[in-house]
Amino acid sequence: MPLHMARRMRRSRMLSLATIAVASAVVLTGCTSAVQKAESPDGNSPTKGGILHIVQAADVQPATLFAQNNPNFSLTRTVFNSLIDYNHKDLKPEPELATSWKMSDDGKALTFQLRKGVTFHDGSAFTAADVIASLKAVQRPGVASQTKSVATAISDMQAPNDHEVVITFSQAMSNTMDLFLMTPIIKAAAIDDALAGKSFMGTGPFSVKQYSPGQGFTLERYDDYWKKGAPYLDGVQITVVRDSQSMLSQLKSGQADLAMDLAPLDAASLKDTSGYELELSDANDSVQYIASNVTVPLLSDKRVRQAISYAIDRKRILEQVDGGIGSVASLPWAESSPAYDKSLVDHFARDLAKSKQLLEEADAVGKSVNIYYDAGFQPNTGIAQIAQFDLTQVGLKPNLIPLQASDFLDKLRTGGFDGMFLTGHGFGQLNPATLVKGAFPFNADANASSFDNAEYKQLANELWLSNGVPSKATLDKMNSFLLDQQFVSDLVLSTHTFAISSKVKGLSETMLDYLDLDSTYIQK
């Protein structure tokens, strides 16, 4: 059976805050029913029952539930819901726990009407108090979220009744709705336990029956889920299998039905294997990058950072590490982004002569540099090895330092790398402001590169505080700045992959790549 790449194409349109108020009127009728969504192309009805077995390389990280973090992709939308979802074709917000919303004319007050009859997994009612508590959790200094800048701009939250929330901001922002897309709503009294990994009280299609840290989750169907008829599955078993080859073996042996983010070459090997498919997330937001801590003397010179970017063979990474899934990149944006500029994709096409020239000008030839990488995601090892080879070619002495996922993330959040670091980032598919004001590698206010620059902060605020889509002039200035400074060097724009048994039907993902299993079933 040929490799099936279920890439759903979508056009891009970022909404102004004024348009959000209008758009909400269109979506008041609610979401498509689970039965409609799960109807298979051949007209067969979904099959109820069964356990979906998922394998993934890293354990979930409960402390990061309010952030987009790869290990949590299997948990966040299966156990929790957010106020809104995004339409994949045009990025318009759609109802989830909120049924409608209205923005004030000045863009500073947003009123949500909440869905009635929704309960948490313990049977207690979902109310406005839970929304306010979840948003207050995002505001906490120690809680990670790429939309924290939006959350901290909230000046007041009021609940006129149990099913209405009025949120007031200190200023209008272009990416306000991204906060409500990303924030899972957790029962107010159970938020601390969720962040500590002790319990997980959501409104989603599945409840947590058991969590074994380092090993995985057992989820069971929540019979009182607010989407009538959903889910079809009786439960989900999520197992941590730290090696991509082992995940592939479990998939082929029938022990697993779905493998999260196999190494691309392992995933590509399924193309000649009957009974398996590879679904590519249509978010197209998985960007592989290498970045620099600019406080390290060698890396404080932007000429060195530019030289590194010119030296790395992006095409080799795309073919040998990613199996040809994706495209080379010099900037962080997916094609859907208003900041995407096709003419800049090859700006840092490999140029060894240019790289050597810049290193010589900076008196950097022969200098050593550490390169840290998250070894929990296997492709990073391949990228690190290519980077090591390429930088050696131009006269640097790179030293590779692998870290486990949790240790890498801690350093990423605190800027604790004494050299370079490589992994992947998202958020090139949403409002550009969310990336430059929240994504850990790019956050203009505090980032993993310790890049503290007044011009960058000003540009980021121009993107952020615009009412709707930032102007092309502002986006062009931001692109020119990122290319010049290269504190982050984007390498390949790829996408998250879900290798599945052909028996698995109705699988979908959110625009944050969280698995949506509302309509998933196992064909008998």
Protein backbone atom coordinates (compact mmCIF):
# COMPACT_ATOMS: atom_id res chain seq x y z
CA MET A 1 0.00 0.00 0.00
CA PRO A 2 1.50 3.38 -0.90
CA LEU A 3 2.27 5.85 1.83
CA HIS A 4 -0.82 7.94 2.44
CA MET A 5 -0.07 11.52 3.37
CA ALA A 6 -3.26 13.04 4.65
CA ARG A 7 -2.21 16.65 4.44
CA ARG A 8 -5.20 18.92 4.65
CA MET A 9 -4.49 22.15 2.83
CA ARG A 10 -5.69 25.43 4.19
CA ARG A 11 -5.49 29.05 3.19
CA SER A 12 -4.25 31.75 5.50
CA ARG A 13 -6.11 34.67 6.92
CA MET A 14 -5.37 36.22 10.29
CA LEU A 15 -8.35 37.97 11.81
CA SER A 16 -8.51 41.48 13.17
CA LEU A 17 -10.10 41.87 16.58
CA ALA A 18 -13.07 43.55 14.94
CA THR A 19 -13.49 40.60 12.59
CA ILE A 20 -13.46 38.20 15.55
CA ALA A 21 -16.65 39.77 16.86
CA VAL A 22 -18.32 39.37 13.48
CA ALA A 23 -17.01 35.84 12.98
CA SER A 24 -18.39 34.70 16.31
CA ALA A 25 -21.90 35.32 15.06
CA VAL A 26 -21.32 32.85 12.24
CA VAL A 27 -20.23 30.02 14.52
CA LEU A 28 -22.88 30.27 17.22
CA THR A 29 -24.54 27.10 16.02
CA GLY A 30 -21.70 24.97 17.43
CA CYS A 31 -19.36 22.33 16.12
CA THR A 32 -19.95 19.57 13.61
CA SER A 33 -21.19 16.47 15.36
CA ALA A 34 -18.77 13.65 16.06
CA VAL A 35 -20.81 11.28 13.89
CA GLN A 36 -20.62 13.65 10.92
CA LYS A 37 -16.89 14.18 11.35
CA ALA A 38 -16.12 10.48 11.64
CA GLU A 39 -18.10 9.35 8.59
CA SER A 40 -15.52 7.55 6.49
CA PRO A 41 -15.06 8.29 2.76
CA ASP A 42 -16.50 4.90 1.76
CA GLY A 43 -19.70 5.61 3.68
CA ASN A 44 -19.08 3.09 6.45
CA SER A 45 -20.37 4.01 9.89
CA PRO A 46 -17.86 4.44 12.72
CA THR A 47 -17.29 1.43 14.94
CA LYS A 48 -17.74 1.92 18.66
CA GLY A 49 -15.47 0.37 21.25
CA GLY A 50 -11.87 -0.70 21.47
CA ILE A 51 -8.68 0.68 22.99
CA LEU A 52 -6.36 2.89 20.95
CA HIS A 53 -2.73 2.07 21.78
CA ILE A 54 -0.34 5.01 21.35
CA VAL A 55 3.45 4.98 21.68
CA GLN A 56 5.55 8.11 22.06
CA ALA A 57 9.21 8.78 22.73
CA ALA A 58 8.97 11.05 25.78
CA ASP A 59 6.78 11.10 28.86
CA VAL A 60 4.20 13.84 29.21
CA GLN A 61 5.29 16.89 31.18
CA PRO A 62 2.36 18.00 33.36
CA ALA A 63 4.10 21.21 34.45
CA THR A 64 3.83 22.43 30.85
CA LEU A 65 0.12 21.73 30.29
CA PHE A 66 -0.53 25.41 29.54
CA ALA A 67 2.21 25.50 26.89
CA GLN A 68 2.58 23.73 23.57
CA ASN A 69 5.05 20.93 24.32
CA ASN A 70 5.47 17.88 22.08
CA PRO A 71 5.25 15.16 24.78
CA ASN A 72 1.80 16.46 25.76
CA PHE A 73 0.29 16.22 22.26
CA SER A 74 -1.40 12.91 23.14
CA LEU A 75 -2.84 14.19 26.43
CA THR A 76 -3.94 17.82 26.18
CA ARG A 77 -6.97 17.55 23.88
CA THR A 78 -7.92 14.01 24.90
CA VAL A 79 -8.45 14.99 28.56
CA PHE A 80 -9.18 18.73 28.33
CA ASN A 81 -11.00 21.24 26.16
CA SER A 82 -10.25 24.89 25.42
CA LEU A 83 -12.72 27.74 25.00
CA ILE A 84 -12.22 27.77 21.23
CA ASP A 85 -10.72 25.82 18.38
CA TYR A 86 -9.39 27.13 15.05
CA ASN A 87 -10.75 26.25 11.65
CA HIS A 88 -7.91 24.62 9.73
CA LYS A 89 -8.76 26.27 6.42
CA ASP A 90 -8.97 29.92 7.41
CA LEU A 91 -7.90 30.05 11.09
CA LYS A 92 -11.26 31.46 12.18
CA PRO A 93 -12.04 30.71 15.82
CA GLU A 94 -14.80 28.15 16.37
CA PRO A 95 -16.77 27.18 19.48
CA GLU A 96 -15.61 24.60 21.96
CA LEU A 97 -16.35 25.30 25.63
CA ALA A 98 -17.40 28.79 24.57
CA THR A 99 -20.40 28.97 22.26
CA SER A 100 -19.95 32.62 21.24
CA TRP A 101 -17.88 35.71 22.01
CA LYS A 102 -17.86 39.42 21.34
CA MET A 103 -15.00 41.89 21.36
CA SER A 104 -15.52 45.51 22.30
CA ASP A 105 -14.86 48.16 19.67
CA ASP A 106 -11.60 49.20 21.33
CA GLY A 107 -10.31 45.60 21.40
CA LYS A 108 -9.94 45.60 25.17
CA ALA A 109 -12.96 43.68 26.46
CA LEU A 110 -13.93 40.19 25.35
CA THR A 111 -17.15 38.53 26.52
CA PHE A 112 -17.55 34.73 26.24
CA GLN A 113 -20.80 32.84 26.51
CA LEU A 114 -20.03 29.39 27.91
CA ARG A 115 -21.52 26.05 26.96
CA LYS A 116 -24.15 24.81 29.39
CA GLY A 117 -24.46 21.23 30.62
CA VAL A 118 -20.70 20.52 30.52
CA THR A 119 -19.22 18.55 33.40
CA PHE A 120 -15.75 17.64 34.57
CA HIS A 121 -14.75 14.01 34.87
CA ASP A 122 -15.81 13.94 38.55
CA GLY A 123 -19.32 15.03 37.56
CA SER A 124 -19.01 18.62 38.81
CA ALA A 125 -20.31 21.42 36.60
CA PHE A 126 -18.02 23.48 34.36
CA THR A 127 -18.50 27.18 35.15
CA ALA A 128 -16.98 30.59 34.54
CA ALA A 129 -14.94 30.19 37.73
CA ASP A 130 -12.93 27.40 36.10
CA VAL A 131 -12.13 29.62 33.09
CA ILE A 132 -10.92 32.42 35.34
CA ALA A 133 -8.84 30.05 37.47
CA SER A 134 -7.20 28.49 34.40
CA LEU A 135 -6.30 31.91 32.98
CA LYS A 136 -4.94 33.00 36.36
CA ALA A 137 -2.76 29.89 36.33
CA VAL A 138 -1.27 30.96 32.99
CA GLN A 139 -0.45 34.32 34.58
CA ARG A 140 1.68 32.70 37.30
CA PRO A 141 5.40 33.50 36.90
CA GLY A 142 6.45 29.85 37.15
CA VAL A 143 3.93 28.49 34.63
CA ALA A 144 5.14 28.09 31.06
CA SER A 145 3.00 29.34 28.18
CA GLN A 146 3.84 30.81 24.79
CA THR A 147 0.83 33.12 25.21
CA LYS A 148 1.80 34.41 28.66
CA SER A 149 2.22 37.93 27.24
CA VAL A 150 -1.48 37.95 26.37
CA ALA A 151 -2.48 36.45 29.73
CA THR A 152 -0.47 38.98 31.71
CA ALA A 153 -2.13 41.80 29.76
CA ILE A 154 -5.47 40.80 31.35
CA SER A 155 -6.39 43.55 33.79
CA ASP A 156 -9.70 42.14 35.03
CA MET A 157 -11.90 39.04 34.81
CA GLN A 158 -15.54 38.96 35.86
CA ALA A 159 -18.24 36.29 35.84
CA PRO A 160 -21.71 37.90 35.68
CA ASN A 161 -23.08 34.38 35.95
CA ASP A 162 -21.85 30.78 35.73
CA HIS A 163 -21.96 30.77 31.93
CA GLU A 164 -20.50 34.16 31.05
CA VAL A 165 -17.00 35.56 31.39
CA VAL A 166 -15.91 39.14 30.69
CA ILE A 167 -12.17 39.51 30.19
CA THR A 168 -10.65 42.98 30.10
CA PHE A 169 -7.18 43.68 28.70
CA SER A 170 -4.90 46.62 29.36
CA GLN A 171 -4.39 46.99 25.61
CA ALA A 172 -5.62 45.66 22.29
CA MET A 173 -3.46 42.87 20.83
CA SER A 174 -3.29 41.10 17.48
CA ASN A 175 -3.04 37.57 18.93
CA THR A 176 -5.64 37.68 21.70
CA MET A 177 -7.51 34.59 20.52
CA ASP A 178 -4.34 32.46 20.49
CA LEU A 179 -4.48 32.52 24.30
CA PHE A 180 -7.92 30.90 24.35
CA LEU A 181 -6.91 28.34 21.74
CA MET A 182 -3.92 27.24 23.81
CA THR A 183 -5.28 27.31 27.35
CA PRO A 184 -6.86 24.01 28.48
CA ILE A 185 -9.64 24.53 30.98
CA ILE A 186 -8.92 22.61 34.18
CA LYS A 187 -11.22 22.37 37.18
CA ALA A 188 -10.31 25.30 39.43
CA ALA A 189 -9.72 23.20 42.54
CA ALA A 190 -7.55 20.71 40.63
CA ILE A 191 -5.13 22.98 38.74
CA ASP A 192 -2.21 22.57 41.12
CA ASP A 193 -2.63 18.80 41.14
CA ALA A 194 -2.66 18.76 37.33
CA LEU A 195 0.55 20.78 37.07
CA ALA A 196 2.15 18.42 39.61
CA GLY A 197 0.99 15.33 37.71
CA LYS A 198 -1.18 14.12 40.60
CA SER A 199 -4.57 14.26 38.88
CA PHE A 200 -6.03 15.60 35.64
CA MET A 201 -9.56 16.95 35.91
CA GLY A 202 -10.83 18.09 32.54
CA THR A 203 -13.97 18.11 30.42
CA GLY A 204 -12.51 16.17 27.48
CA PRO A 205 -13.62 12.91 25.87
CA PHE A 206 -11.42 10.75 28.10
CA SER A 207 -10.61 10.75 31.81
CA VAL A 208 -7.33 9.64 33.32
CA LYS A 209 -7.66 6.24 34.97
CA GLN A 210 -3.97 5.86 35.80
CA TYR A 211 -0.76 7.82 35.28
CA SER A 212 2.59 6.09 35.78
CA PRO A 213 5.33 8.72 35.48
CA GLY A 214 7.95 7.70 32.95
CA GLN A 215 5.75 4.91 31.62
CA GLY A 216 2.48 6.36 30.36
CA PHE A 217 -1.25 6.91 30.79
CA THR A 218 -4.39 4.84 30.81
CA LEU A 219 -7.44 6.83 29.67
CA GLU A 220 -11.06 5.71 29.68
CA ARG A 221 -14.11 6.98 27.84
CA TYR A 222 -16.01 9.77 29.65
CA ASP A 223 -19.63 8.77 29.14
CA ASP A 224 -20.99 12.23 29.95
CA TYR A 225 -18.81 14.06 27.44
CA TRP A 226 -20.65 17.13 26.14
CA LYS A 227 -20.33 16.08 22.49
CA LYS A 228 -23.15 13.60 22.27
CA GLY A 229 -22.13 10.28 20.72
CA ALA A 230 -18.43 10.93 21.20
CA PRO A 231 -15.96 9.45 21.69
CA TYR A 232 -16.24 6.11 19.92
CA LEU A 233 -13.26 4.52 21.64
CA ASP A 234 -13.59 2.83 25.04
CA GLY A 235 -10.17 4.10 26.03
CA VAL A 236 -6.63 5.06 25.13
CA GLN A 237 -3.36 3.55 26.32
CA ILE A 238 -0.35 5.88 26.00
CA THR A 239 3.00 4.15 26.46
CA VAL A 240 6.44 5.77 26.59
CA VAL A 241 8.87 3.97 24.26
CA ARG A 242 12.01 6.06 24.11
CA ASP A 243 13.48 4.71 20.86
CA SER A 244 11.96 5.39 17.43
CA GLN A 245 12.91 1.96 16.11
CA SER A 246 11.18 0.32 19.06
CA MET A 247 8.07 2.41 18.44
CA LEU A 248 8.11 1.33 14.80
CA SER A 249 8.47 -2.32 15.83
CA GLN A 250 5.49 -2.06 18.17
CA LEU A 251 3.42 -0.49 15.41
CA LYS A 252 4.32 -3.22 12.93
CA SER A 253 3.73 -6.01 15.46
CA GLY A 254 0.26 -4.72 16.27
CA GLN A 255 1.14 -3.76 19.85
CA ALA A 256 0.53 -0.11 18.93
CA ASP A 257 -2.02 1.54 16.67
CA LEU A 258 -0.41 5.00 16.52
CA ALA A 259 3.19 6.19 16.87
CA MET A 260 3.78 9.84 17.72
CA ASP A 261 6.58 11.59 15.82
CA LEU A 262 8.61 8.64 14.63
CA ALA A 263 12.02 9.57 13.30
CA PRO A 264 11.13 10.69 9.74
CA LEU A 265 13.22 7.97 8.10
CA ASP A 266 11.47 5.33 10.22
CA ALA A 267 8.12 6.79 9.22
CA ALA A 268 9.10 6.83 5.53
CA SER A 269 9.93 3.13 5.76
CA LEU A 270 6.21 2.41 6.06
CA LYS A 271 5.54 3.40 2.45
CA ASP A 272 6.06 -0.16 1.22
CA THR A 273 4.30 -1.80 4.15
CA SER A 274 0.66 -2.72 3.70
CA GLY A 275 -1.68 -1.74 6.47
CA TYR A 276 -0.04 1.50 7.61
CA GLU A 277 -0.42 5.18 6.82
CA LEU A 278 1.43 8.36 7.67
CA GLU A 279 -0.69 11.37 8.49
CA LEU A 280 1.03 14.74 8.30
CA SER A 281 -0.40 17.48 10.48
CA ASP A 282 -1.66 20.35 8.36
CA ALA A 283 -0.42 22.89 10.91
CA ASN A 284 3.04 22.65 9.26
CA ASP A 285 4.55 24.25 12.33
CA SER A 286 7.44 21.95 13.21
CA VAL A 287 10.55 24.00 12.47
CA GLN A 288 13.98 22.58 13.23
CA TYR A 289 16.50 25.19 14.29
CA ILE A 290 19.89 25.82 15.84
CA ALA A 291 20.30 28.83 18.11
CA SER A 292 23.02 30.64 20.05
CA ASN A 293 23.37 31.94 23.57
CA VAL A 294 24.62 35.39 22.61
CA THR A 295 26.25 35.96 26.02
CA VAL A 296 28.88 33.35 25.12
CA PRO A 297 31.82 35.46 23.83
CA LEU A 298 32.23 33.53 20.56
CA LEU A 299 28.52 33.74 19.78
CA SER A 300 28.08 37.39 20.77
CA ASP A 301 29.32 38.39 17.30
CA LYS A 302 26.51 38.19 14.77
CA ARG A 303 29.05 37.46 12.03
CA VAL A 304 29.79 34.13 13.75
CA ARG A 305 26.08 33.37 13.99
CA GLN A 306 25.62 34.21 10.31
CA ALA A 307 28.63 32.06 9.41
CA ILE A 308 27.10 29.12 11.27
CA SER A 309 23.85 29.57 9.37
CA TYR A 310 25.63 29.68 6.00
CA ALA A 311 27.64 26.56 6.88
CA ILE A 312 24.79 24.18 7.71
CA ASP A 313 23.53 22.03 4.87
CA ARG A 314 19.75 22.40 5.16
CA LYS A 315 19.06 20.26 2.10
CA ARG A 316 21.03 17.37 3.59
CA ILE A 317 19.03 17.64 6.82
CA LEU A 318 15.77 17.66 4.85
CA GLU A 319 16.66 14.55 2.86
CA GLN A 320 18.74 12.48 5.29
CA VAL A 321 17.02 13.31 8.59
CA ASP A 322 13.49 14.28 7.58
CA GLY A 323 13.02 11.87 4.71
CA GLY A 324 12.12 14.73 2.39
CA ILE A 325 9.09 15.71 4.48
CA GLY A 326 9.09 19.50 4.53
CA SER A 327 11.18 22.26 2.98
CA VAL A 328 14.32 24.22 3.79
CA ALA A 329 13.84 27.44 5.74
CA SER A 330 15.69 30.57 6.77
CA LEU A 331 12.81 32.09 8.76
CA PRO A 332 10.28 30.58 11.21
CA TRP A 333 7.03 31.08 9.29
CA ALA A 334 4.76 28.46 7.76
CA GLU A 335 3.31 29.31 4.36
CA SER A 336 0.02 30.15 6.05
CA SER A 337 1.59 33.03 7.99
CA PRO A 338 1.24 36.61 6.77
CA ALA A 339 4.97 36.93 7.55
CA TYR A 340 5.95 34.19 5.08
CA ASP A 341 8.07 35.42 2.17
CA LYS A 342 8.95 32.83 -0.46
CA SER A 343 11.86 34.94 -1.76
CA LEU A 344 13.66 34.58 1.61
CA VAL A 345 13.42 30.80 1.96
CA ASP A 346 16.92 30.22 0.57
CA HIS A 347 18.52 33.29 2.11
CA PHE A 348 20.96 31.07 3.99
CA ALA A 349 21.54 28.50 1.29
CA ARG A 350 24.80 26.70 2.08
CA ASP A 351 27.80 28.88 1.21
CA LEU A 352 31.05 27.62 2.75
CA ALA A 353 33.14 30.42 1.26
CA LYS A 354 30.89 33.07 2.79
CA SER A 355 30.90 31.22 6.10
CA LYS A 356 34.70 31.02 6.23
CA GLN A 357 35.01 34.69 5.30
CA LEU A 358 32.72 35.76 8.16
CA LEU A 359 34.58 33.57 10.66
CA GLU A 360 37.89 35.02 9.59
CA GLU A 361 36.54 38.56 9.92
CA ALA A 362 35.37 37.74 13.44
CA ASP A 363 38.68 36.03 14.34
CA ALA A 364 36.71 32.89 15.20
CA VAL A 365 38.53 30.22 13.18
CA GLY A 366 39.61 27.32 15.40
CA LYS A 367 37.33 28.27 18.29
CA SER A 368 35.33 25.65 20.20
CA VAL A 369 31.58 25.74 20.65
CA ASN A 370 29.17 23.51 22.57
CA ILE A 371 26.02 22.27 20.81
CA TYR A 372 23.26 20.97 23.08
CA TYR A 373 20.34 18.98 21.76
CA ASP A 374 17.25 17.17 22.98
CA ALA A 375 18.18 13.53 22.50
CA GLY A 376 14.63 12.48 23.39
CA PHE A 377 13.59 13.32 19.82
CA GLN A 378 15.72 11.13 17.58
CA PRO A 379 16.01 13.44 14.52
CA ASN A 380 17.88 15.94 16.69
CA THR A 381 20.79 13.51 16.87
CA GLY A 382 21.02 13.42 13.07
CA ILE A 383 20.82 17.20 12.81
CA ALA A 384 23.47 17.61 15.50
CA GLN A 385 25.84 15.29 13.65
CA ILE A 386 25.34 17.15 10.37
CA ALA A 387 25.89 20.48 12.13
CA GLN A 388 29.04 19.15 13.75
CA PHE A 389 30.41 18.02 10.38
CA ASP A 390 29.48 21.26 8.61
CA LEU A 391 30.92 23.56 11.28
CA THR A 392 34.13 21.55 11.37
CA GLN A 393 34.37 22.10 7.60
CA VAL A 394 34.49 25.88 8.06
CA GLY A 395 36.99 25.87 10.90
CA LEU A 396 35.04 25.69 14.16
CA LYS A 397 35.41 22.95 16.78
CA PRO A 398 31.88 21.87 17.75
CA ASN A 399 31.30 19.70 20.81
CA LEU A 400 27.98 17.81 20.90
CA ILE A 401 26.18 17.50 24.26
CA PRO A 402 23.00 15.34 24.30
CA LEU A 403 20.40 15.96 27.02
CA GLN A 404 17.20 14.23 28.06
CA ALA A 405 14.00 16.05 27.12
CA SER A 406 13.22 17.37 30.62
CA ASP A 407 16.77 18.68 31.17
CA PHE A 408 16.81 20.28 27.75
CA LEU A 409 13.47 21.99 28.32
CA ASP A 410 14.62 23.35 31.70
CA LYS A 411 17.62 24.99 30.05
CA LEU A 412 15.51 26.20 27.15
CA ARG A 413 13.13 27.98 29.52
CA THR A 414 15.92 29.51 31.62
CA GLY A 415 18.50 30.34 28.95
CA GLY A 416 20.97 27.96 30.55
CA PHE A 417 22.95 26.83 27.49
CA ASP A 418 26.64 27.84 27.45
CA GLY A 419 26.83 27.56 23.68
CA MET A 420 24.45 26.57 20.91
CA PHE A 421 21.32 24.45 21.11
CA LEU A 422 19.10 22.73 18.59
CA THR A 423 15.59 21.35 18.64
CA GLY A 424 12.25 22.32 17.09
CA HIS A 425 9.78 25.14 17.58
CA GLY A 426 6.21 25.84 16.54
CA PHE A 427 4.00 28.90 16.24
CA GLY A 428 4.98 29.86 12.72
CA GLN A 429 1.41 29.00 11.73
CA LEU A 430 -0.45 31.36 14.10
CA ASN A 431 -0.36 35.11 14.55
CA PRO A 432 3.29 36.26 14.17
CA ALA A 433 3.06 38.05 17.50
CA THR A 434 2.63 34.75 19.36
CA LEU A 435 6.02 33.58 18.14
CA VAL A 436 8.00 36.77 18.86
CA LYS A 437 6.26 37.39 22.18
CA GLY A 438 6.01 33.83 23.46
CA ALA A 439 7.91 31.02 21.72
CA PHE A 440 10.88 30.16 23.93
CA PRO A 441 13.57 30.62 21.25
CA PHE A 442 12.14 33.94 19.99
CA ASN A 443 10.44 35.72 22.90
CA ALA A 444 11.66 39.30 22.64
CA ASP A 445 11.23 39.87 26.38
CA ALA A 446 13.18 36.81 27.56
CA ASN A 447 14.47 34.01 25.36
CA ALA A 448 16.76 31.00 25.51
CA SER A 449 19.45 32.88 23.57
CA SER A 450 19.62 35.68 26.18
CA PHE A 451 19.14 38.01 23.21
CA ASP A 452 18.16 41.33 24.80
CA ASN A 453 17.77 43.96 22.12
CA ALA A 454 15.75 47.20 22.19
CA GLU A 455 15.11 47.22 18.43
CA TYR A 456 13.83 43.65 18.54
CA LYS A 457 11.50 44.45 21.44
CA GLN A 458 10.12 47.43 19.55
CA LEU A 459 9.49 45.38 16.40
CA ALA A 460 7.85 42.61 18.43
CA ASN A 461 5.56 45.13 20.08
CA GLU A 462 4.64 46.58 16.69
CA LEU A 463 3.52 43.12 15.61
CA TRP A 464 1.78 42.45 18.90
CA LEU A 465 -0.07 45.71 19.45
CA SER A 466 -1.40 46.08 15.92
CA ASN A 467 -5.16 45.65 15.61
CA GLY A 468 -5.35 42.63 13.34
CA VAL A 469 -2.77 41.61 10.76
CA PRO A 470 0.46 43.61 11.15
CA SER A 471 1.40 45.75 8.17
CA LYS A 472 3.60 44.29 5.46
CA ALA A 473 6.20 46.96 6.23
CA THR A 474 6.39 45.79 9.85
CA LEU A 475 6.58 42.13 8.83
CA ASP A 476 9.35 42.92 6.33
CA LYS A 477 11.32 44.77 9.01
CA MET A 478 10.97 41.82 11.37
CA ASN A 479 12.15 39.37 8.72
CA SER A 480 15.17 41.51 7.86
CA PHE A 481 16.06 41.78 11.54
CA LEU A 482 15.81 38.04 12.18
CA LEU A 483 17.93 37.23 9.13
CA ASP A 484 20.57 39.75 10.17
CA GLN A 485 20.85 38.80 13.85
CA GLN A 486 20.59 35.00 13.54
CA PHE A 487 20.31 34.34 17.26
CA VAL A 488 17.97 31.64 15.95
CA SER A 489 18.84 29.94 12.66
CA ASP A 490 15.84 28.11 11.23
CA LEU A 491 16.81 25.09 9.14
CA VAL A 492 13.88 22.99 7.95
CA LEU A 493 10.14 23.62 8.03
CA SER A 494 8.55 20.23 8.56
CA THR A 495 5.43 18.90 10.26
CA HIS A 496 4.44 16.52 12.99
CA THR A 497 3.81 13.00 11.78
CA PHE A 498 1.38 10.40 13.07
CA ALA A 499 2.13 6.87 11.87
CA ILE A 500 -1.02 4.80 12.19
CA SER A 501 -2.46 1.41 11.47
CA SER A 502 -4.90 1.57 8.56
CA LYS A 503 -7.56 0.35 10.99
CA VAL A 504 -7.47 3.74 12.74
CA LYS A 505 -10.05 6.10 11.23
CA GLY A 506 -11.26 9.61 11.98
CA LEU A 507 -7.98 10.83 13.49
CA SER A 508 -7.48 14.58 13.52
CA GLU A 509 -5.32 17.20 15.19
CA THR A 510 -5.80 20.76 16.41
CA MET A 511 -3.86 23.70 15.01
CA LEU A 512 -1.45 23.14 17.91
CA ASP A 513 -0.96 19.49 16.83
CA TYR A 514 -2.82 18.09 19.82
CA LEU A 515 -4.49 14.78 19.00
CA ASP A 516 -8.26 15.16 18.68
CA LEU A 517 -9.79 11.72 19.25
CA ASP A 518 -13.43 12.81 19.45
CA SER A 519 -14.20 11.07 16.15
CA THR A 520 -11.49 8.42 16.09
CA TYR A 521 -12.47 4.77 15.85
CA ILE A 522 -10.88 1.41 15.10
CA GLN A 523 -12.34 -0.32 12.09
CA LYS A 524 -13.05 -3.96 12.81
